[in-house]
Amino acid sequence: MYKFKAYQYSIALSLCLAAVGCKAPVAETATVSTPVPESFGTVKTLDTVNTASMKWRTFFKDQNLIDLIDAALKNNQELNITLQEIEIAKNDIRVKKGLLLPSAGIRAGAGVEKVGRYTSQGAGDATTEIKPGIETPDPLGDFTIAAYANWEVDIWKKLRNSKKAAVNRYLATVEGKNFVITNLIAEVADSYYELLALDSQLDIVKQTIELQTNALEIVKIQKQAARATELGVQKFQAEVLTSKSLEFDILQKIKENENKINFLLGRYPQEVKRTNSNFLTLLPAEVNSGIPSQLLMNRPDVKQAELELVAAKLDVKVARAEFYPSLDISAAFGVQAFKPSYLFTFPESILYSLAGDLAAPLINRNAIKAEFSSANARQLQALYNYDRTILNAYLEVSNQLSKIDNLQKSYDLKSQQVDALNKSIEVSNDLFKSARVDYFEVLMTQRDALESKLELIDTKKEQLNAAVYVYKDLGGGWK
């Protein structure tokens, strides 16, 4: 009768624990707040042809650049660090998966215990007859060999959701690796075109120095013929020195840019092999932007943010499950005796146990509420990060598409400017030789021509890099 009442009380207590545990707060719902526009510009297009679907080996035509990117993808330290983060996330999945299964082990132990004779345990041990001829030793030994197991029953899917969160974080690290690849390819291409531009600028400066040196010799001859003054000679001399100083500045930039590429390739300083063709004849790759919704599929950082949002939502479910009762089952089976010689005396030495514990939080609910609030805040944080990543991706593509259009117009005008200044140099030199213009006009013409040529090369470099970056911003390069 007493056992029946105790059983009833245990059921009632379990129901109370369940009722207390089920009073869990409700999480805020995380939903994407900003829809993606239908086009990148003011003109709506349904053209889904997207350059991001091209492999980078097809997008880039320069074999030297392709070789550099190949080396970077093998040796870049940042990429290798990211690959180890993937391994860490993969191992975390194994940890979470292991929590779903029972933990089992084998335990062997030995000990001795001496209790007071005039205690309940001592009196009981002294009066207990084990078997005729077997005396109870004093002190009493304890030798055990047993197998044990513990298992938390995943009633509320806490462990399963924790595993799913780990899987999504693993997939997020994979997308993070893809994002590192796209940035690495773009950075190598950017630095390569920068190097080609510097080489071209160096050639322009050398040509200008030669032109200025010829003009200096002319003005020296004119001074001897009393057709020019020492002031003109010094002005031309200063201009030649300025151009030579600019030559060394460009050489230093070439060295620094080569070392930047070497760093991206994970190697020590060495000369970077590159194309020697006319830089201004290079054409930027043709780019098709597709539609903005394709960014959700092509951009690794967008997919990474999406997976992190999913993982954060699962974390909220895990934190909410902490309010509910947990069921733990434990079991053991083995042999136990007070002497090693009795360990395998069956069935007297056999021990076994099976127990189930149902527990719900009562006292520490404030700590669980705090953790739940933190998980909910991290979920909202992941949502805002997802929205921001999509917005940033859209704006990056929009900016680069606009830049490509404006750079082409600017390049056409600068080309006309360079042609006009080249002609003006010829005219000014002819007029200067016949003393129809003074040295100042010749100097200014040469200076303007040098600046416009350098600007034209910069514009060409920006054109090439704009095509590279719109390819990256569309999500190309990692496939």
Protein backbone atom coordinates (compact mmCIF):
# COMPACT_ATOMS: atom_id res chain seq x y z
CA MET A 1 0.00 0.00 0.00
CA TYR A 2 2.79 2.40 0.89
CA LYS A 3 4.57 1.55 -2.35
CA PHE A 4 1.44 2.36 -4.33
CA LYS A 5 1.11 5.75 -2.62
CA ALA A 6 4.79 6.49 -3.24
CA TYR A 7 4.28 5.64 -6.91
CA GLN A 8 1.30 8.03 -7.08
CA TYR A 9 3.33 10.80 -5.44
CA SER A 10 6.19 10.32 -7.91
CA ILE A 11 3.79 10.63 -10.86
CA ALA A 12 2.27 13.78 -9.38
CA LEU A 13 5.72 15.24 -8.80
CA SER A 14 6.72 14.47 -12.38
CA LEU A 15 3.61 16.20 -13.70
CA CYS A 16 4.36 19.23 -11.57
CA LEU A 17 7.90 19.36 -12.87
CA ALA A 18 6.61 19.13 -16.42
CA ALA A 19 4.10 21.91 -15.80
CA VAL A 20 6.74 24.16 -14.28
CA GLY A 21 9.21 23.43 -17.05
CA CYS A 22 6.76 24.07 -19.85
CA LYS A 23 6.31 27.70 -18.88
CA ALA A 24 8.99 28.81 -21.33
CA PRO A 25 9.11 32.27 -22.95
CA VAL A 26 8.34 32.72 -26.63
CA ALA A 27 11.14 33.78 -28.98
CA GLU A 28 10.81 36.71 -31.34
CA THR A 29 10.33 35.61 -34.93
CA ALA A 30 13.26 36.42 -37.21
CA THR A 31 12.09 37.15 -40.77
CA VAL A 32 13.87 38.87 -43.63
CA SER A 33 12.65 42.45 -43.69
CA THR A 34 13.89 43.87 -47.01
CA PRO A 35 12.99 42.30 -50.38
CA VAL A 36 15.63 42.35 -53.11
CA PRO A 37 14.88 44.80 -55.98
CA GLU A 38 14.02 43.38 -59.37
CA SER A 39 16.93 45.05 -61.18
CA PHE A 40 20.27 46.74 -60.50
CA GLY A 41 19.35 49.98 -62.26
CA THR A 42 16.39 52.06 -63.27
CA VAL A 43 15.72 49.89 -66.33
CA LYS A 44 14.04 46.59 -65.48
CA THR A 45 15.54 43.54 -67.20
CA LEU A 46 14.67 39.86 -67.17
CA ASP A 47 18.01 38.74 -68.65
CA THR A 48 19.27 35.95 -66.37
CA VAL A 49 22.63 35.49 -68.11
CA ASN A 50 25.11 35.94 -65.27
CA THR A 51 28.88 36.21 -65.49
CA ALA A 52 29.14 34.68 -62.00
CA SER A 53 28.40 31.26 -63.51
CA MET A 54 31.71 31.39 -65.44
CA LYS A 55 34.71 29.63 -63.96
CA TRP A 56 37.58 31.96 -63.21
CA ARG A 57 39.87 30.15 -65.66
CA THR A 58 37.43 31.09 -68.41
CA PHE A 59 36.88 34.64 -67.17
CA PHE A 60 40.60 35.54 -67.16
CA LYS A 61 42.49 35.28 -70.46
CA ASP A 62 46.05 36.14 -69.36
CA GLN A 63 47.97 32.88 -68.72
CA ASN A 64 50.44 34.62 -66.39
CA LEU A 65 47.54 35.84 -64.24
CA ILE A 66 45.98 32.35 -64.27
CA ASP A 67 49.27 30.86 -63.02
CA LEU A 68 49.46 33.43 -60.21
CA ILE A 69 45.90 32.67 -59.09
CA ASP A 70 46.65 28.94 -59.16
CA ALA A 71 49.64 29.46 -56.86
CA ALA A 72 47.60 31.69 -54.53
CA LEU A 73 44.84 29.10 -54.16
CA LYS A 74 47.45 26.52 -53.13
CA ASN A 75 49.66 28.56 -50.81
CA ASN A 76 47.72 31.53 -49.42
CA GLN A 77 47.92 31.47 -45.62
CA GLU A 78 44.52 33.09 -45.01
CA LEU A 79 42.83 30.46 -47.17
CA ASN A 80 44.68 27.68 -45.33
CA ILE A 81 43.57 29.15 -41.99
CA THR A 82 39.96 29.12 -43.24
CA LEU A 83 40.30 25.47 -44.25
CA GLN A 84 41.25 24.61 -40.67
CA GLU A 85 38.16 26.45 -39.44
CA ILE A 86 36.15 24.07 -41.62
CA GLU A 87 37.82 21.10 -39.91
CA ILE A 88 37.00 22.59 -36.49
CA ALA A 89 33.33 23.01 -37.48
CA LYS A 90 33.27 19.45 -38.82
CA ASN A 91 34.56 18.10 -35.51
CA ASP A 92 31.92 20.11 -33.66
CA ILE A 93 29.26 18.18 -35.59
CA ARG A 94 30.81 14.94 -34.35
CA VAL A 95 30.67 16.22 -30.78
CA LYS A 96 26.99 17.16 -31.07
CA LYS A 97 26.18 13.87 -32.77
CA GLY A 98 27.88 11.98 -29.94
CA LEU A 99 25.62 13.66 -27.38
CA LEU A 100 22.61 12.00 -29.04
CA LEU A 101 23.98 8.53 -28.33
CA PRO A 102 24.38 6.81 -24.96
CA SER A 103 27.77 7.15 -23.32
CA ALA A 104 29.16 3.80 -22.19
CA GLY A 105 32.32 2.65 -20.50
CA ILE A 106 34.01 0.06 -18.32
CA ARG A 107 34.93 0.77 -14.74
CA ALA A 108 37.25 -1.21 -12.47
CA GLY A 109 37.82 -0.16 -8.88
CA ALA A 110 39.22 -1.27 -5.55
CA GLY A 111 38.82 0.21 -2.08
CA VAL A 112 38.66 -0.49 1.62
CA GLU A 113 36.31 0.85 4.26
CA LYS A 114 36.41 0.65 8.07
CA VAL A 115 33.27 1.84 9.84
CA GLY A 116 32.59 2.10 13.56
CA ARG A 117 31.31 -1.05 15.25
CA TYR A 118 28.62 0.85 17.12
CA THR A 119 27.01 2.34 14.02
CA SER A 120 24.06 1.09 12.06
CA GLN A 121 26.29 0.00 9.16
CA GLY A 122 28.92 -1.55 11.45
CA ALA A 123 26.30 -3.46 13.47
CA GLY A 124 24.65 -4.65 10.27
CA ASP A 125 27.92 -5.85 8.74
CA ALA A 126 28.86 -7.71 11.96
CA THR A 127 25.54 -9.56 12.23
CA THR A 128 25.16 -10.39 8.54
CA GLU A 129 25.92 -14.00 7.69
CA ILE A 130 27.10 -14.22 4.10
CA LYS A 131 27.61 -17.97 3.75
CA PRO A 132 28.76 -20.73 6.14
CA GLY A 133 32.54 -20.72 6.35
CA ILE A 134 32.92 -17.21 4.94
CA GLU A 135 33.67 -14.54 7.45
CA THR A 136 33.10 -10.86 6.89
CA PRO A 137 36.56 -9.22 6.81
CA ASP A 138 37.33 -6.16 8.86
CA PRO A 139 38.07 -3.73 7.34
CA LEU A 140 35.72 -4.44 4.46
CA GLY A 141 37.17 -4.38 0.95
CA ASP A 142 35.33 -3.40 -2.21
CA PHE A 143 36.36 -4.71 -5.66
CA THR A 144 34.28 -3.90 -8.71
CA ILE A 145 34.37 -4.57 -12.45
CA ALA A 146 31.35 -3.19 -14.29
CA ALA A 147 30.08 -1.73 -17.54
CA TYR A 148 27.98 1.41 -17.30
CA ALA A 149 25.93 3.59 -19.63
CA ASN A 150 24.21 6.97 -19.44
CA TRP A 151 21.75 8.41 -21.90
CA GLU A 152 19.84 11.65 -22.03
CA VAL A 153 16.61 11.01 -23.87
CA ASP A 154 16.13 13.80 -26.39
CA ILE A 155 12.45 14.39 -25.67
CA TRP A 156 12.31 18.05 -26.73
CA LYS A 157 14.77 17.77 -29.66
CA LYS A 158 17.32 19.84 -27.77
CA LEU A 159 20.24 17.67 -28.80
CA ARG A 160 19.00 17.19 -32.35
CA ASN A 161 18.56 20.94 -32.84
CA SER A 162 22.01 21.51 -31.39
CA LYS A 163 23.42 19.07 -33.95
CA LYS A 164 21.51 20.78 -36.79
CA ALA A 165 22.91 24.14 -35.67
CA ALA A 166 26.43 22.68 -35.79
CA VAL A 167 25.78 21.34 -39.30
CA ASN A 168 24.60 24.76 -40.49
CA ARG A 169 27.65 26.42 -38.95
CA TYR A 170 29.86 23.91 -40.74
CA LEU A 171 28.16 24.76 -44.04
CA ALA A 172 28.59 28.45 -43.19
CA THR A 173 32.34 27.96 -42.79
CA VAL A 174 32.42 26.27 -46.21
CA GLU A 175 30.71 29.34 -47.70
CA GLY A 176 33.16 31.49 -45.76
CA LYS A 177 35.98 29.61 -47.49
CA ASN A 178 34.34 30.25 -50.86
CA PHE A 179 34.10 33.95 -50.01
CA VAL A 180 37.81 34.01 -49.16
CA ILE A 181 38.52 32.40 -52.54
CA THR A 182 36.52 35.03 -54.47
CA ASN A 183 38.26 37.86 -52.60
CA LEU A 184 41.68 36.26 -53.08
CA ILE A 185 41.20 35.87 -56.84
CA ALA A 186 40.01 39.47 -57.16
CA GLU A 187 42.91 40.76 -55.06
CA VAL A 188 45.50 38.89 -57.13
CA ALA A 189 43.95 40.17 -60.37
CA ASP A 190 43.75 43.71 -58.99
CA SER A 191 47.43 43.68 -57.98
CA TYR A 192 48.43 42.13 -61.32
CA TYR A 193 46.71 44.85 -63.34
CA GLU A 194 48.20 47.44 -60.99
CA LEU A 195 51.62 46.02 -61.82
CA LEU A 196 50.95 46.17 -65.55
CA ALA A 197 49.78 49.77 -65.17
CA LEU A 198 52.94 50.73 -63.28
CA ASP A 199 55.08 49.12 -65.98
CA SER A 200 53.24 51.16 -68.60
CA GLN A 201 53.59 54.36 -66.57
CA LEU A 202 57.31 53.69 -66.18
CA ASP A 203 57.65 53.45 -69.98
CA ILE A 204 55.75 56.71 -70.39
CA VAL A 205 58.00 58.48 -67.87
CA LYS A 206 61.14 57.18 -69.61
CA GLN A 207 59.84 58.43 -72.96
CA THR A 208 59.04 61.80 -71.38
CA ILE A 209 62.53 62.02 -69.86
CA GLU A 210 64.02 61.39 -73.30
CA LEU A 211 61.78 64.06 -74.80
CA GLN A 212 62.62 66.55 -72.06
CA THR A 213 66.34 65.80 -72.36
CA ASN A 214 66.20 66.59 -76.09
CA ALA A 215 64.40 69.84 -75.33
CA LEU A 216 67.08 70.65 -72.73
CA GLU A 217 69.83 70.20 -75.31
CA ILE A 218 67.96 72.49 -77.71
CA VAL A 219 67.60 75.25 -75.14
CA LYS A 220 71.30 74.95 -74.28
CA ILE A 221 72.18 75.45 -77.93
CA GLN A 222 69.78 78.39 -78.10
CA LYS A 223 71.46 79.94 -75.08
CA GLN A 224 74.84 79.70 -76.81
CA ALA A 225 73.28 81.44 -79.79
CA ALA A 226 71.85 84.09 -77.45
CA ARG A 227 68.28 83.05 -78.32
CA ALA A 228 67.54 81.78 -74.79
CA THR A 229 68.57 82.55 -71.24
CA GLU A 230 70.00 80.60 -68.30
CA LEU A 231 66.54 80.68 -66.74
CA GLY A 232 65.17 78.51 -69.55
CA VAL A 233 68.05 76.07 -69.18
CA GLN A 234 67.46 75.70 -65.44
CA LYS A 235 63.70 75.29 -65.89
CA PHE A 236 64.21 72.46 -68.38
CA GLN A 237 66.87 70.92 -66.15
CA ALA A 238 64.46 71.00 -63.17
CA GLU A 239 61.74 69.35 -65.25
CA VAL A 240 64.09 66.51 -66.27
CA LEU A 241 65.08 65.95 -62.63
CA THR A 242 61.42 65.91 -61.57
CA SER A 243 60.63 63.22 -64.14
CA LYS A 244 63.64 61.14 -63.09
CA SER A 245 62.47 61.37 -59.46
CA LEU A 246 59.03 60.20 -60.59
CA GLU A 247 60.71 57.23 -62.31
CA PHE A 248 62.20 56.05 -59.02
CA ASP A 249 58.86 56.53 -57.25
CA ILE A 250 57.24 54.22 -59.80
CA LEU A 251 60.06 51.67 -59.43
CA GLN A 252 59.42 51.59 -55.68
CA LYS A 253 55.69 51.07 -56.25
CA ILE A 254 56.49 48.22 -58.65
CA LYS A 255 58.63 46.57 -55.99
CA GLU A 256 55.95 46.95 -53.32
CA ASN A 257 53.26 45.63 -55.64
CA GLU A 258 55.36 42.62 -56.58
CA ASN A 259 55.85 41.85 -52.90
CA LYS A 260 52.11 42.23 -52.31
CA ILE A 261 51.48 39.57 -54.96
CA ASN A 262 54.23 37.38 -53.46
CA PHE A 263 52.55 37.67 -50.07
CA LEU A 264 49.19 36.61 -51.52
CA LEU A 265 50.97 33.65 -53.12
CA GLY A 266 52.65 32.73 -49.80
CA ARG A 267 56.21 33.08 -51.11
CA TYR A 268 59.25 35.22 -50.49
CA PRO A 269 60.11 38.22 -52.75
CA GLN A 270 60.80 37.37 -56.37
CA GLU A 271 60.04 38.84 -59.76
CA VAL A 272 56.46 38.42 -60.90
CA LYS A 273 56.12 37.11 -64.43
CA ARG A 274 53.77 39.29 -66.45
CA THR A 275 52.67 40.27 -69.93
CA ASN A 276 54.76 42.88 -71.81
CA SER A 277 52.10 43.88 -74.34
CA ASN A 278 50.74 47.41 -74.69
CA PHE A 279 48.66 47.99 -71.57
CA LEU A 280 46.26 50.39 -73.27
CA THR A 281 45.25 47.71 -75.79
CA LEU A 282 43.93 45.39 -73.05
CA LEU A 283 40.14 45.09 -72.99
CA PRO A 284 38.11 44.48 -69.84
CA ALA A 285 36.09 41.27 -69.73
CA GLU A 286 32.46 41.49 -70.79
CA VAL A 287 30.12 41.35 -67.82
CA ASN A 288 26.48 40.23 -67.61
CA SER A 289 24.86 41.07 -64.29
CA GLY A 290 21.75 38.89 -64.49
CA ILE A 291 19.03 39.71 -61.94
CA PRO A 292 19.54 40.70 -58.26
CA SER A 293 17.82 37.61 -56.85
CA GLN A 294 20.68 35.51 -58.24
CA LEU A 295 22.92 37.07 -55.60
CA LEU A 296 21.18 34.86 -53.02
CA MET A 297 22.46 31.79 -54.83
CA ASN A 298 25.84 32.99 -56.09
CA ARG A 299 27.29 35.16 -53.31
CA PRO A 300 29.07 33.00 -50.70
CA ASP A 301 28.81 35.70 -48.02
CA VAL A 302 25.03 35.88 -48.49
CA LYS A 303 24.70 32.10 -48.19
CA GLN A 304 27.00 32.15 -45.18
CA ALA A 305 24.86 34.77 -43.45
CA GLU A 306 21.72 32.75 -44.28
CA LEU A 307 23.16 29.56 -42.76
CA GLU A 308 24.28 31.43 -39.65
CA LEU A 309 20.72 32.78 -39.31
CA VAL A 310 19.32 29.24 -39.50
CA ALA A 311 21.82 28.10 -36.87
CA ALA A 312 20.87 31.01 -34.61
CA LYS A 313 17.18 30.06 -34.86
CA LEU A 314 18.04 26.50 -33.83
CA ASP A 315 20.05 27.86 -30.90
CA VAL A 316 16.90 29.59 -29.68
CA LYS A 317 15.03 26.26 -29.76
CA VAL A 318 17.86 24.62 -27.82
CA ALA A 319 17.79 27.39 -25.21
CA ARG A 320 13.99 27.14 -24.93
CA ALA A 321 14.22 23.37 -24.38
CA GLU A 322 16.27 24.02 -21.23
CA PHE A 323 13.00 25.09 -19.53
CA TYR A 324 11.49 21.63 -20.03
CA PRO A 325 12.12 18.53 -17.88
CA SER A 326 15.00 16.33 -18.95
CA LEU A 327 14.99 12.54 -18.77
CA ASP A 328 18.27 10.76 -18.02
CA ILE A 329 18.60 6.97 -18.02
CA SER A 330 21.56 5.25 -16.42
CA ALA A 331 22.42 1.56 -16.21
CA ALA A 332 25.27 -0.63 -14.94
CA PHE A 333 26.14 -4.33 -15.02
CA GLY A 334 29.14 -6.12 -13.56
CA VAL A 335 30.56 -8.01 -10.62
CA GLN A 336 31.38 -6.80 -7.09
CA ALA A 337 32.81 -8.50 -3.99
CA PHE A 338 34.82 -7.73 -0.87
CA LYS A 339 37.59 -10.14 -2.00
CA PRO A 340 39.03 -10.50 -5.52
CA SER A 341 38.61 -14.29 -5.30
CA TYR A 342 34.82 -13.85 -4.96
CA LEU A 343 34.43 -11.55 -7.99
CA PHE A 344 33.39 -14.35 -10.31
CA THR A 345 31.25 -16.26 -7.85
CA PHE A 346 27.91 -16.29 -9.60
CA PRO A 347 25.21 -15.23 -9.03
CA GLU A 348 26.25 -13.73 -5.66
CA SER A 349 28.79 -11.25 -7.12
CA ILE A 350 26.58 -9.93 -9.92
CA LEU A 351 25.49 -6.30 -9.71
CA TYR A 352 23.14 -4.40 -12.01
CA SER A 353 21.19 -1.19 -11.89
CA LEU A 354 18.72 0.72 -14.04
CA ALA A 355 17.46 4.17 -13.14
CA GLY A 356 15.61 7.01 -14.79
CA ASP A 357 15.71 10.63 -13.62
CA LEU A 358 13.20 13.29 -14.60
CA ALA A 359 14.29 16.80 -13.62
CA ALA A 360 13.07 20.30 -14.40
CA PRO A 361 14.70 23.61 -13.43
CA LEU A 362 13.18 25.48 -10.49
CA ILE A 363 15.81 27.53 -8.66
CA ASN A 364 18.09 28.45 -11.59
CA ARG A 365 15.40 29.57 -14.03
CA ASN A 366 16.77 33.12 -14.10
CA ALA A 367 20.05 31.86 -15.50
CA ILE A 368 18.19 29.84 -18.15
CA LYS A 369 16.04 32.87 -19.00
CA ALA A 370 19.19 34.94 -19.43
CA GLU A 371 20.67 32.35 -21.79
CA PHE A 372 17.41 32.20 -23.73
CA SER A 373 17.37 36.00 -24.06
CA SER A 374 20.96 35.94 -25.28
CA ALA A 375 20.15 33.26 -27.86
CA ASN A 376 17.17 35.29 -29.04
CA ALA A 377 19.33 38.42 -29.31
CA ARG A 378 21.92 36.48 -31.32
CA GLN A 379 19.12 35.32 -33.62
CA LEU A 380 18.04 38.91 -34.27
CA GLN A 381 21.67 39.89 -34.69
CA ALA A 382 22.08 37.18 -37.35
CA LEU A 383 18.93 38.45 -39.08
CA TYR A 384 20.23 42.02 -39.23
CA ASN A 385 23.57 40.73 -40.50
CA TYR A 386 21.75 38.77 -43.24
CA ASP A 387 19.80 41.86 -44.30
CA ARG A 388 22.96 43.95 -44.27
CA THR A 389 24.89 41.38 -46.32
CA ILE A 390 22.20 41.30 -49.02
CA LEU A 391 22.01 45.11 -49.11
CA ASN A 392 25.79 45.39 -49.31
CA ALA A 393 25.94 42.82 -52.13
CA TYR A 394 23.31 44.69 -54.15
CA LEU A 395 25.01 48.06 -53.67
CA GLU A 396 28.44 46.67 -54.57
CA VAL A 397 27.16 45.31 -57.88
CA SER A 398 25.21 48.50 -58.59
CA ASN A 399 28.28 50.66 -57.93
CA GLN A 400 30.55 48.54 -60.12
CA LEU A 401 28.08 48.46 -63.03
CA SER A 402 27.78 52.24 -62.86
CA LYS A 403 31.56 52.55 -62.63
CA ILE A 404 32.10 50.43 -65.74
CA ASP A 405 29.77 52.68 -67.74
CA ASN A 406 31.28 55.94 -66.49
CA LEU A 407 34.88 54.74 -66.85
CA GLN A 408 34.30 53.90 -70.49
CA LYS A 409 33.05 57.44 -71.16
CA SER A 410 35.94 58.91 -69.19
CA TYR A 411 38.49 56.75 -71.04
CA ASP A 412 37.19 57.88 -74.43
CA LEU A 413 37.55 61.54 -73.45
CA LYS A 414 41.00 61.04 -71.92
CA SER A 415 42.15 59.25 -75.08
CA GLN A 416 41.13 62.27 -77.14
CA GLN A 417 42.92 64.51 -74.64
CA VAL A 418 46.15 62.49 -74.96
CA ASP A 419 45.97 62.59 -78.76
CA ALA A 420 45.52 66.36 -78.69
CA LEU A 421 48.42 66.86 -76.27
CA ASN A 422 50.71 64.59 -78.30
CA LYS A 423 50.06 66.78 -81.32
CA SER A 424 50.58 69.89 -79.23
CA ILE A 425 54.02 68.61 -78.17
CA GLU A 426 55.08 68.28 -81.79
CA VAL A 427 53.74 71.73 -82.60
CA SER A 428 55.35 73.34 -79.53
CA ASN A 429 58.72 71.79 -80.30
CA ASP A 430 58.63 73.05 -83.90
CA LEU A 431 57.62 76.53 -82.76
CA PHE A 432 60.26 76.52 -80.03
CA LYS A 433 63.01 75.62 -82.49
CA SER A 434 61.98 78.59 -84.64
CA ALA A 435 61.75 80.83 -81.53
CA ARG A 436 58.07 81.53 -82.08
CA VAL A 437 57.11 80.36 -78.54
CA ASP A 438 59.09 80.53 -75.32
CA TYR A 439 60.30 77.63 -73.16
CA PHE A 440 57.45 78.00 -70.66
CA GLU A 441 54.82 76.88 -73.19
CA VAL A 442 56.91 73.88 -74.16
CA LEU A 443 57.36 72.87 -70.50
CA MET A 444 53.69 73.19 -69.72
CA THR A 445 52.71 71.21 -72.80
CA GLN A 446 55.08 68.38 -71.92
CA ARG A 447 53.91 68.39 -68.31
CA ASP A 448 50.23 68.29 -69.30
CA ALA A 449 50.90 65.47 -71.75
CA LEU A 450 52.71 63.40 -69.10
CA GLU A 451 49.90 63.87 -66.56
CA SER A 452 47.20 63.01 -69.09
CA LYS A 453 49.04 59.84 -70.20
CA LEU A 454 49.45 58.69 -66.61
CA GLU A 455 45.76 59.40 -65.95
CA LEU A 456 44.79 57.45 -69.08
CA ILE A 457 46.73 54.43 -67.80
CA ASP A 458 45.04 54.77 -64.39
CA THR A 459 41.65 54.85 -66.08
CA LYS A 460 42.46 51.72 -68.09
CA LYS A 461 43.57 49.98 -64.90
CA GLU A 462 40.32 50.95 -63.17
CA GLN A 463 38.37 49.61 -66.14
CA LEU A 464 40.08 46.24 -65.92
CA ASN A 465 39.65 46.08 -62.14
CA ALA A 466 36.00 47.17 -62.33
CA ALA A 467 35.27 44.12 -64.49
CA VAL A 468 37.14 41.92 -61.98
CA TYR A 469 35.23 43.32 -59.01
CA VAL A 470 31.82 43.12 -60.60
CA TYR A 471 32.64 39.45 -61.32
CA LYS A 472 33.51 39.01 -57.64
CA ASP A 473 30.49 41.01 -56.43
CA LEU A 474 28.14 38.88 -58.54
CA GLY A 475 29.50 35.83 -56.74
CA GLY A 476 31.92 34.52 -59.35
CA GLY A 477 35.29 32.88 -58.82
CA TRP A 478 34.66 30.22 -56.17
CA LYS A 479 33.06 27.58 -58.38
